[in-house]
Amino acid sequence: MPMPILTLDQFLKQQGWVATGGHAKLVIQEGEVIVNGEVDLRRGRKMRVGDVVEWNGERAEVPEGSGALPPLGA
């Protein structure tokens, strides 16, 4: 069975930045989350290795082995 692909809301939870999916949905829909320098309102956005996510003064890069898609051009 294929591994599920990491989404933006899951990444926020994985980082420990939010405790629940509901909280992740809220901060994403309110435009508080930046992905690769741009506000992203899609909680189901499929993450790629190397994507940079920022929220609430925190910044993290999506690592390999996280369930994310490979980087573009890989």
N, C-alpha and C. Protein backbone atom coordinates (compact mmCIF):
# COMPACT_ATOMS: atom_id res chain seq x y z
N MET A 1 0.84 -1.17 0.00
CA MET A 1 0.00 0.00 0.00
C MET A 1 0.89 1.24 0.00
N PRO A 2 0.58 2.22 -0.88
CA PRO A 2 1.43 3.41 -0.94
C PRO A 2 1.31 4.26 0.32
N MET A 3 2.42 4.93 0.65
CA MET A 3 2.46 5.80 1.83
C MET A 3 1.67 7.08 1.52
N PRO A 4 0.86 7.56 2.47
CA PRO A 4 0.14 8.82 2.22
C PRO A 4 1.13 9.97 2.05
N ILE A 5 0.74 10.93 1.24
CA ILE A 5 1.59 12.09 0.97
C ILE A 5 1.36 13.15 2.04
N LEU A 6 2.44 13.70 2.56
CA LEU A 6 2.39 14.72 3.60
C LEU A 6 1.71 15.98 3.09
N THR A 7 0.73 16.48 3.85
CA THR A 7 0.04 17.72 3.49
C THR A 7 0.46 18.84 4.44
N LEU A 8 0.12 20.06 4.07
CA LEU A 8 0.53 21.22 4.86
C LEU A 8 0.00 21.14 6.29
N ASP A 9 -1.27 20.80 6.46
CA ASP A 9 -1.81 20.73 7.83
C ASP A 9 -1.12 19.65 8.65
N GLN A 10 -0.79 18.53 8.01
CA GLN A 10 -0.07 17.46 8.72
C GLN A 10 1.34 17.91 9.10
N PHE A 11 1.96 18.69 8.23
CA PHE A 11 3.32 19.17 8.52
C PHE A 11 3.31 20.08 9.74
N LEU A 12 2.32 20.96 9.84
CA LEU A 12 2.24 21.84 11.02
C LEU A 12 2.12 21.01 12.30
N LYS A 13 1.32 19.96 12.25
CA LYS A 13 1.17 19.08 13.42
C LYS A 13 2.47 18.32 13.68
N GLN A 14 3.10 17.82 12.61
CA GLN A 14 4.35 17.06 12.74
C GLN A 14 5.44 17.91 13.40
N GLN A 15 5.45 19.20 13.12
CA GLN A 15 6.43 20.11 13.70
C GLN A 15 6.11 20.44 15.16
N GLY A 16 4.90 20.13 15.58
CA GLY A 16 4.49 20.47 16.94
C GLY A 16 4.04 21.91 17.07
N TRP A 17 3.80 22.58 15.94
CA TRP A 17 3.38 23.97 15.96
C TRP A 17 1.92 24.12 16.32
N VAL A 18 1.11 23.12 15.99
CA VAL A 18 -0.31 23.09 16.35
C VAL A 18 -0.60 21.72 16.93
N ALA A 19 -1.62 21.66 17.78
CA ALA A 19 -1.93 20.39 18.44
C ALA A 19 -2.97 19.57 17.69
N THR A 20 -3.82 20.26 16.92
CA THR A 20 -4.92 19.55 16.27
C THR A 20 -5.04 19.95 14.81
N GLY A 21 -5.72 19.11 14.05
CA GLY A 21 -6.01 19.43 12.66
C GLY A 21 -6.90 20.66 12.54
N GLY A 22 -7.79 20.84 13.49
CA GLY A 22 -8.68 22.00 13.48
C GLY A 22 -7.91 23.30 13.64
N HIS A 23 -6.91 23.28 14.52
CA HIS A 23 -6.08 24.47 14.70
C HIS A 23 -5.26 24.74 13.44
N ALA A 24 -4.73 23.67 12.84
CA ALA A 24 -3.97 23.82 11.59
C ALA A 24 -4.86 24.44 10.51
N LYS A 25 -6.07 23.93 10.37
CA LYS A 25 -7.01 24.45 9.37
C LYS A 25 -7.24 25.94 9.59
N LEU A 26 -7.44 26.33 10.83
CA LEU A 26 -7.71 27.73 11.16
C LEU A 26 -6.56 28.64 10.77
N VAL A 27 -5.33 28.31 11.18
CA VAL A 27 -4.20 29.20 10.89
C VAL A 27 -3.89 29.24 9.40
N ILE A 28 -4.13 28.14 8.70
CA ILE A 28 -3.91 28.12 7.25
C ILE A 28 -4.96 28.99 6.56
N GLN A 29 -6.23 28.79 6.90
CA GLN A 29 -7.31 29.54 6.25
C GLN A 29 -7.25 31.03 6.56
N GLU A 30 -6.65 31.41 7.69
CA GLU A 30 -6.53 32.83 8.03
C GLU A 30 -5.29 33.47 7.39
N GLY A 31 -4.57 32.71 6.56
CA GLY A 31 -3.45 33.26 5.83
C GLY A 31 -2.20 33.48 6.66
N GLU A 32 -2.06 32.73 7.75
CA GLU A 32 -0.92 32.91 8.64
C GLU A 32 0.29 32.06 8.26
N VAL A 33 0.12 31.12 7.34
CA VAL A 33 1.19 30.17 7.00
C VAL A 33 1.80 30.54 5.65
N ILE A 34 3.12 30.58 5.62
CA ILE A 34 3.86 30.91 4.40
C ILE A 34 4.63 29.67 3.95
N VAL A 35 4.49 29.35 2.67
CA VAL A 35 5.23 28.23 2.09
C VAL A 35 6.06 28.77 0.93
N ASN A 36 7.35 28.57 1.02
CA ASN A 36 8.28 29.03 -0.02
C ASN A 36 8.08 30.52 -0.33
N GLY A 37 7.88 31.32 0.72
CA GLY A 37 7.79 32.76 0.56
C GLY A 37 6.43 33.32 0.21
N GLU A 38 5.40 32.45 0.08
CA GLU A 38 4.07 32.91 -0.29
C GLU A 38 3.02 32.34 0.66
N VAL A 39 2.02 33.16 0.98
CA VAL A 39 0.90 32.68 1.79
C VAL A 39 0.20 31.56 1.03
N ASP A 40 -0.10 30.46 1.73
CA ASP A 40 -0.80 29.34 1.10
C ASP A 40 -2.03 29.02 1.94
N LEU A 41 -3.19 29.04 1.32
CA LEU A 41 -4.46 28.81 2.02
C LEU A 41 -4.96 27.38 1.86
N ARG A 42 -4.16 26.50 1.27
CA ARG A 42 -4.59 25.12 1.02
C ARG A 42 -4.05 24.18 2.10
N ARG A 43 -4.92 23.77 3.01
CA ARG A 43 -4.44 22.87 4.07
C ARG A 43 -4.05 21.51 3.50
N GLY A 44 -4.61 21.13 2.35
CA GLY A 44 -4.29 19.86 1.71
C GLY A 44 -3.15 19.94 0.72
N ARG A 45 -2.44 21.08 0.72
CA ARG A 45 -1.30 21.23 -0.19
C ARG A 45 -0.34 20.07 0.01
N LYS A 46 0.06 19.42 -1.07
CA LYS A 46 1.02 18.32 -0.99
C LYS A 46 2.42 18.92 -0.84
N MET A 47 3.09 18.53 0.21
CA MET A 47 4.41 19.08 0.50
C MET A 47 5.48 18.33 -0.28
N ARG A 48 6.55 19.06 -0.59
CA ARG A 48 7.71 18.48 -1.28
C ARG A 48 8.94 18.64 -0.40
N VAL A 49 9.85 17.68 -0.50
CA VAL A 49 11.12 17.78 0.22
C VAL A 49 11.77 19.11 -0.17
N GLY A 50 12.21 19.87 0.81
CA GLY A 50 12.86 21.15 0.57
C GLY A 50 11.93 22.35 0.67
N ASP A 51 10.59 22.12 0.69
CA ASP A 51 9.68 23.24 0.90
C ASP A 51 10.01 23.89 2.24
N VAL A 52 9.91 25.21 2.30
CA VAL A 52 10.17 25.95 3.53
C VAL A 52 8.85 26.53 4.03
N VAL A 53 8.49 26.17 5.27
CA VAL A 53 7.23 26.59 5.86
C VAL A 53 7.52 27.52 7.03
N GLU A 54 6.75 28.63 7.10
CA GLU A 54 6.91 29.59 8.19
C GLU A 54 5.56 29.85 8.82
N TRP A 55 5.56 29.91 10.15
CA TRP A 55 4.36 30.27 10.89
C TRP A 55 4.74 30.71 12.30
N ASN A 56 4.15 31.80 12.73
CA ASN A 56 4.28 32.26 14.12
C ASN A 56 5.74 32.39 14.56
N GLY A 57 6.58 32.91 13.67
CA GLY A 57 7.99 33.10 14.00
C GLY A 57 8.84 31.86 13.87
N GLU A 58 8.24 30.75 13.50
CA GLU A 58 8.98 29.49 13.31
C GLU A 58 9.22 29.28 11.83
N ARG A 59 10.27 28.55 11.52
CA ARG A 59 10.61 28.25 10.12
C ARG A 59 11.17 26.84 10.07
N ALA A 60 10.71 26.03 9.10
CA ALA A 60 11.21 24.66 8.99
C ALA A 60 11.20 24.24 7.53
N GLU A 61 12.18 23.42 7.18
CA GLU A 61 12.26 22.85 5.84
C GLU A 61 11.74 21.41 5.89
N VAL A 62 10.97 21.04 4.89
CA VAL A 62 10.42 19.68 4.83
C VAL A 62 11.57 18.72 4.53
N PRO A 63 11.82 17.76 5.43
CA PRO A 63 12.95 16.85 5.25
C PRO A 63 12.60 15.61 4.42
N GLU A 64 13.63 14.95 3.94
CA GLU A 64 13.44 13.64 3.31
C GLU A 64 12.94 12.67 4.36
N GLY A 65 12.17 11.68 3.94
CA GLY A 65 11.67 10.68 4.87
C GLY A 65 10.45 11.12 5.65
N SER A 66 9.89 12.28 5.29
CA SER A 66 8.74 12.81 6.02
C SER A 66 7.41 12.42 5.39
N GLY A 67 7.47 11.76 4.25
CA GLY A 67 6.24 11.44 3.52
C GLY A 67 5.92 12.46 2.45
N ALA A 68 6.82 13.44 2.28
CA ALA A 68 6.63 14.49 1.26
C ALA A 68 7.04 13.94 -0.11
N LEU A 69 6.52 14.61 -1.13
CA LEU A 69 6.91 14.28 -2.51
C LEU A 69 8.37 14.68 -2.72
N PRO A 70 9.03 14.09 -3.71
CA PRO A 70 10.40 14.52 -4.00
C PRO A 70 10.41 15.97 -4.49
N PRO A 71 11.56 16.63 -4.41
CA PRO A 71 11.63 18.01 -4.91
C PRO A 71 11.35 18.04 -6.40
N LEU A 72 10.84 19.18 -6.88
CA LEU A 72 10.62 19.34 -8.32
C LEU A 72 11.96 19.19 -9.04
N GLY A 73 11.94 18.52 -10.15
CA GLY A 73 13.17 18.33 -10.93
C GLY A 73 14.04 17.19 -10.44
N ALA A 74 13.55 16.45 -9.43
CA ALA A 74 14.37 15.35 -8.90
C ALA A 74 14.15 14.08 -9.70
